[in-house]
C-alpha cells in the first residue's frame, strides 16, 4: 500500500489489512501531528542511552514484557476506540509467532489481538527487539 492510498482504519478488519504497511510507513502516518511532535521532542531531549535504560528497567529481571505504548499510533487508532496499543519488548531478541502469542495470552488471556513489527530501519529503538501489539476490547 502506498502513502497516497493510506486511510485511517474504521474497523478492526481494516487495521488487520494495514499491518504490513505499518511495518514500513513513515512516522507521519502513525501519529496525530501533536502526538508526533511530542514524541519527536522526547527523542530530542532524552538521550538514547537514557531511553534504553528506561526500557531495560521496565523489562526488569524478565526476558520480555508487554507494556502500554507511551507513544501510541494515535492517527491509526483514532477511530478504533476499543483498541489499545502495547509493545512487546524482548531482551533475548526476535520472537516467533508462537512466542508472541504466548506472551499476549499470558498478559491478556484469550482475546482478539494482532501485531506488527516495524522494519529495522524504521524502528526508533532498534537496540532492543520489540513489536507492536494491538488489543481489541470490543469482543
C-alpha atoms as a PDB file:
ATOM      1  CA  UNK A   1       0.000   0.000   0.000  1.00  0.00           C
ATOM      2  CA  UNK A   2       1.500   3.344  -0.898  1.00  0.00           C
ATOM      3  CA  UNK A   3       1.026   6.517   1.130  1.00  0.00           C
ATOM      4  CA  UNK A   4      -1.397   8.064  -1.372  1.00  0.00           C
ATOM      5  CA  UNK A   5      -3.892   5.272  -0.727  1.00  0.00           C
ATOM      6  CA  UNK A   6      -3.481   5.242   3.051  1.00  0.00           C
ATOM      7  CA  UNK A   7      -6.601   5.948   5.056  1.00  0.00           C
ATOM      8  CA  UNK A   8      -7.223   5.717   8.753  1.00  0.00           C
ATOM      9  CA  UNK A   9      -8.905   2.391   9.523  1.00  0.00           C
ATOM     10  CA  UNK A  10     -12.560   2.479  10.539  1.00  0.00           C
ATOM     11  CA  UNK A  11     -12.692  -1.090  11.796  1.00  0.00           C
ATOM     12  CA  UNK A  12     -10.611  -3.863  13.301  1.00  0.00           C
ATOM     13  CA  UNK A  13     -10.710  -5.647   9.945  1.00  0.00           C
ATOM     14  CA  UNK A  14      -9.234  -2.580   8.215  1.00  0.00           C
ATOM     15  CA  UNK A  15      -6.497  -2.373  10.856  1.00  0.00           C
ATOM     16  CA  UNK A  16      -5.578  -6.013  10.180  1.00  0.00           C
ATOM     17  CA  UNK A  17      -5.244  -5.176   6.476  1.00  0.00           C
ATOM     18  CA  UNK A  18      -2.861  -2.311   7.351  1.00  0.00           C
ATOM     19  CA  UNK A  19      -0.427  -4.327   9.485  1.00  0.00           C
ATOM     20  CA  UNK A  20       2.153  -4.849   6.756  1.00  0.00           C
ATOM     21  CA  UNK A  21       2.010  -1.177   5.801  1.00  0.00           C
ATOM     22  CA  UNK A  22       2.561  -0.178   9.445  1.00  0.00           C
ATOM     23  CA  UNK A  23       5.865  -2.032   9.398  1.00  0.00           C
ATOM     24  CA  UNK A  24       7.487   0.366   6.935  1.00  0.00           C
ATOM     25  CA  UNK A  25       5.350   3.511   6.565  1.00  0.00           C
ATOM     26  CA  UNK A  26       6.690   6.956   7.512  1.00  0.00           C
ATOM     27  CA  UNK A  27       6.003   8.039  11.118  1.00  0.00           C
ATOM     28  CA  UNK A  28       3.705  10.845   9.942  1.00  0.00           C
ATOM     29  CA  UNK A  29       1.120   8.184   9.068  1.00  0.00           C
ATOM     30  CA  UNK A  30       1.204   6.675  12.550  1.00  0.00           C
ATOM     31  CA  UNK A  31       0.532   9.502  14.993  1.00  0.00           C
ATOM     32  CA  UNK A  32      -1.579  12.620  15.029  1.00  0.00           C
ATOM     33  CA  UNK A  33       0.621  15.665  14.484  1.00  0.00           C
ATOM     34  CA  UNK A  34       0.524  16.842  18.122  1.00  0.00           C
ATOM     35  CA  UNK A  35       1.468  13.341  19.307  1.00  0.00           C
ATOM     36  CA  UNK A  36       4.253  13.045  16.759  1.00  0.00           C
ATOM     37  CA  UNK A  37       5.559  16.469  17.820  1.00  0.00           C
ATOM     38  CA  UNK A  38       5.605  15.348  21.465  1.00  0.00           C
ATOM     39  CA  UNK A  39       7.370  12.107  20.530  1.00  0.00           C
ATOM     40  CA  UNK A  40       9.952  13.992  18.468  1.00  0.00           C
ATOM     41  CA  UNK A  41      10.567  16.357  21.375  1.00  0.00           C
ATOM     42  CA  UNK A  42      11.003  13.395  23.742  1.00  0.00           C
ATOM     43  CA  UNK A  43      13.545  11.810  21.393  1.00  0.00           C
ATOM     44  CA  UNK A  44      15.376  15.120  21.073  1.00  0.00           C
ATOM     45  CA  UNK A  45      15.550  15.815  24.820  1.00  0.00           C
ATOM     46  CA  UNK A  46      16.020  12.318  26.234  1.00  0.00           C
ATOM     47  CA  UNK A  47      19.360  10.789  25.291  1.00  0.00           C
ATOM     48  CA  UNK A  48      19.236   7.384  23.602  1.00  0.00           C
ATOM     49  CA  UNK A  49      21.197   5.859  26.484  1.00  0.00           C
ATOM     50  CA  UNK A  50      18.526   7.009  28.943  1.00  0.00           C
ATOM     51  CA  UNK A  51      15.694   5.690  26.736  1.00  0.00           C
ATOM     52  CA  UNK A  52      17.376   2.289  26.591  1.00  0.00           C
ATOM     53  CA  UNK A  53      17.894   2.282  30.349  1.00  0.00           C
ATOM     54  CA  UNK A  54      14.199   3.058  30.878  1.00  0.00           C
ATOM     55  CA  UNK A  55      13.130   0.137  28.692  1.00  0.00           C
ATOM     56  CA  UNK A  56      15.640  -2.209  30.332  1.00  0.00           C
ATOM     57  CA  UNK A  57      14.442  -1.230  33.805  1.00  0.00           C
ATOM     58  CA  UNK A  58      10.817  -1.772  32.783  1.00  0.00           C
ATOM     59  CA  UNK A  59      11.697  -5.229  31.455  1.00  0.00           C
ATOM     60  CA  UNK A  60      13.463  -5.839  34.754  1.00  0.00           C
ATOM     61  CA  UNK A  61      14.634  -9.371  35.522  1.00  0.00           C
ATOM     62  CA  UNK A  62      12.370 -10.825  32.845  1.00  0.00           C
ATOM     63  CA  UNK A  63      13.440 -11.736  29.333  1.00  0.00           C
ATOM     64  CA  UNK A  64      10.420  -9.956  27.895  1.00  0.00           C
ATOM     65  CA  UNK A  65       7.495  -7.757  28.862  1.00  0.00           C
ATOM     66  CA  UNK A  66       4.390  -6.212  27.294  1.00  0.00           C
ATOM     67  CA  UNK A  67       3.999  -2.522  28.112  1.00  0.00           C
ATOM     68  CA  UNK A  68       1.390   0.018  27.109  1.00  0.00           C
ATOM     69  CA  UNK A  69       2.890   2.150  24.351  1.00  0.00           C
ATOM     70  CA  UNK A  70       3.534   5.637  25.738  1.00  0.00           C
ATOM     71  CA  UNK A  71       3.554   6.970  22.187  1.00  0.00           C
ATOM     72  CA  UNK A  72       0.705   5.040  20.538  1.00  0.00           C
ATOM     73  CA  UNK A  73      -0.234   5.191  16.892  1.00  0.00           C
ATOM     74  CA  UNK A  74      -2.926   7.770  17.583  1.00  0.00           C
ATOM     75  CA  UNK A  75      -3.606   8.510  13.924  1.00  0.00           C
ATOM     76  CA  UNK A  76      -4.033   4.841  13.072  1.00  0.00           C
ATOM     77  CA  UNK A  77      -6.244   4.148  16.094  1.00  0.00           C
ATOM     78  CA  UNK A  78      -8.256   7.383  16.285  1.00  0.00           C
ATOM     79  CA  UNK A  79     -11.465   5.728  15.047  1.00  0.00           C
ATOM     80  CA  UNK A  80     -10.894   2.462  16.924  1.00  0.00           C
ATOM     81  CA  UNK A  81     -11.826   3.454  20.480  1.00  0.00           C
ATOM     82  CA  UNK A  82     -11.783  -0.149  21.754  1.00  0.00           C
ATOM     83  CA  UNK A  83      -8.243  -0.873  20.560  1.00  0.00           C
ATOM     84  CA  UNK A  84      -5.207  -0.363  22.797  1.00  0.00           C
ATOM     85  CA  UNK A  85      -1.592  -0.225  21.665  1.00  0.00           C
ATOM     86  CA  UNK A  86       1.193  -2.060  23.507  1.00  0.00           C
ATOM     87  CA  UNK A  87       4.775  -3.015  22.793  1.00  0.00           C
ATOM     88  CA  UNK A  88       6.257  -6.424  23.470  1.00  0.00           C
ATOM     89  CA  UNK A  89       9.942  -5.992  24.353  1.00  0.00           C
ATOM     90  CA  UNK A  90      12.435  -8.876  24.375  1.00  0.00           C
ATOM     91  CA  UNK A  91      15.989  -8.795  25.728  1.00  0.00           C
ATOM     92  CA  UNK A  92      16.656 -12.142  24.025  1.00  0.00           C
ATOM     93  CA  UNK A  93      15.955 -10.881  20.506  1.00  0.00           C
ATOM     94  CA  UNK A  94      13.301 -11.614  17.927  1.00  0.00           C
ATOM     95  CA  UNK A  95      10.326 -13.724  18.994  1.00  0.00           C
ATOM     96  CA  UNK A  96       8.425 -16.021  16.655  1.00  0.00           C
ATOM     97  CA  UNK A  97       4.636 -16.001  16.210  1.00  0.00           C
ATOM     98  CA  UNK A  98       4.081 -18.701  18.849  1.00  0.00           C
ATOM     99  CA  UNK A  99       6.219 -16.895  21.426  1.00  0.00           C
ATOM    100  CA  UNK A 100       4.365 -13.629  20.757  1.00  0.00           C
ATOM    101  CA  UNK A 101       1.010 -15.398  21.090  1.00  0.00           C
ATOM    102  CA  UNK A 102       2.093 -16.975  24.378  1.00  0.00           C
ATOM    103  CA  UNK A 103       3.113 -13.594  25.800  1.00  0.00           C
ATOM    104  CA  UNK A 104      -0.132 -11.916  24.694  1.00  0.00           C
ATOM    105  CA  UNK A 105      -2.270 -14.705  26.158  1.00  0.00           C
ATOM    106  CA  UNK A 106      -0.246 -14.677  29.387  1.00  0.00           C
ATOM    107  CA  UNK A 107      -0.993 -10.971  29.862  1.00  0.00           C
ATOM    108  CA  UNK A 108      -4.497 -10.657  28.375  1.00  0.00           C
ATOM    109  CA  UNK A 109      -5.920 -14.179  28.256  1.00  0.00           C
ATOM    110  CA  UNK A 110      -7.753 -15.256  25.142  1.00  0.00           C
ATOM    111  CA  UNK A 111      -8.517 -12.062  23.275  1.00  0.00           C
ATOM    112  CA  UNK A 112      -8.730 -10.509  19.838  1.00  0.00           C
ATOM    113  CA  UNK A 113      -5.274  -9.173  19.010  1.00  0.00           C
ATOM    114  CA  UNK A 114      -2.781  -8.607  16.241  1.00  0.00           C
ATOM    115  CA  UNK A 115       0.763  -7.352  15.934  1.00  0.00           C
ATOM    116  CA  UNK A 116       3.125  -5.541  13.622  1.00  0.00           C
ATOM    117  CA  UNK A 117       6.879  -5.241  13.673  1.00  0.00           C
ATOM    118  CA  UNK A 118       8.489  -2.153  12.193  1.00  0.00           C
ATOM    119  CA  UNK A 119      11.290  -2.801   9.707  1.00  0.00           C
ATOM    120  CA  UNK A 120      14.700  -2.447  11.349  1.00  0.00           C
ATOM    121  CA  UNK A 121      15.482   0.835   9.579  1.00  0.00           C
ATOM    122  CA  UNK A 122      12.116   2.228  10.793  1.00  0.00           C
ATOM    123  CA  UNK A 123      12.447   1.279  14.485  1.00  0.00           C
ATOM    124  CA  UNK A 124      13.057   4.133  16.880  1.00  0.00           C
ATOM    125  CA  UNK A 125      14.648   1.711  19.393  1.00  0.00           C
ATOM    126  CA  UNK A 126      16.403  -0.920  17.253  1.00  0.00           C
ATOM    127  CA  UNK A 127      18.741  -1.907  20.097  1.00  0.00           C
ATOM    128  CA  UNK A 128      16.025  -3.926  21.868  1.00  0.00           C
ATOM    129  CA  UNK A 129      13.776  -6.176  19.805  1.00  0.00           C
ATOM    130  CA  UNK A 130      10.097  -5.224  20.045  1.00  0.00           C
ATOM    131  CA  UNK A 131       6.851  -5.425  18.166  1.00  0.00           C
ATOM    132  CA  UNK A 132       3.591  -3.512  18.380  1.00  0.00           C
ATOM    133  CA  UNK A 133       0.610  -5.354  19.843  1.00  0.00           C
ATOM    134  CA  UNK A 134      -2.949  -4.186  19.284  1.00  0.00           C
ATOM    135  CA  UNK A 135      -5.648  -5.483  21.623  1.00  0.00           C
ATOM    136  CA  UNK A 136      -9.286  -5.213  20.570  1.00  0.00           C
ATOM    137  CA  UNK A 137     -11.510  -4.943  23.667  1.00  0.00           C
ATOM    138  CA  UNK A 138     -14.681  -4.806  21.605  1.00  0.00           C
ATOM    139  CA  UNK A 139     -15.123  -8.578  21.535  1.00  0.00           C
END
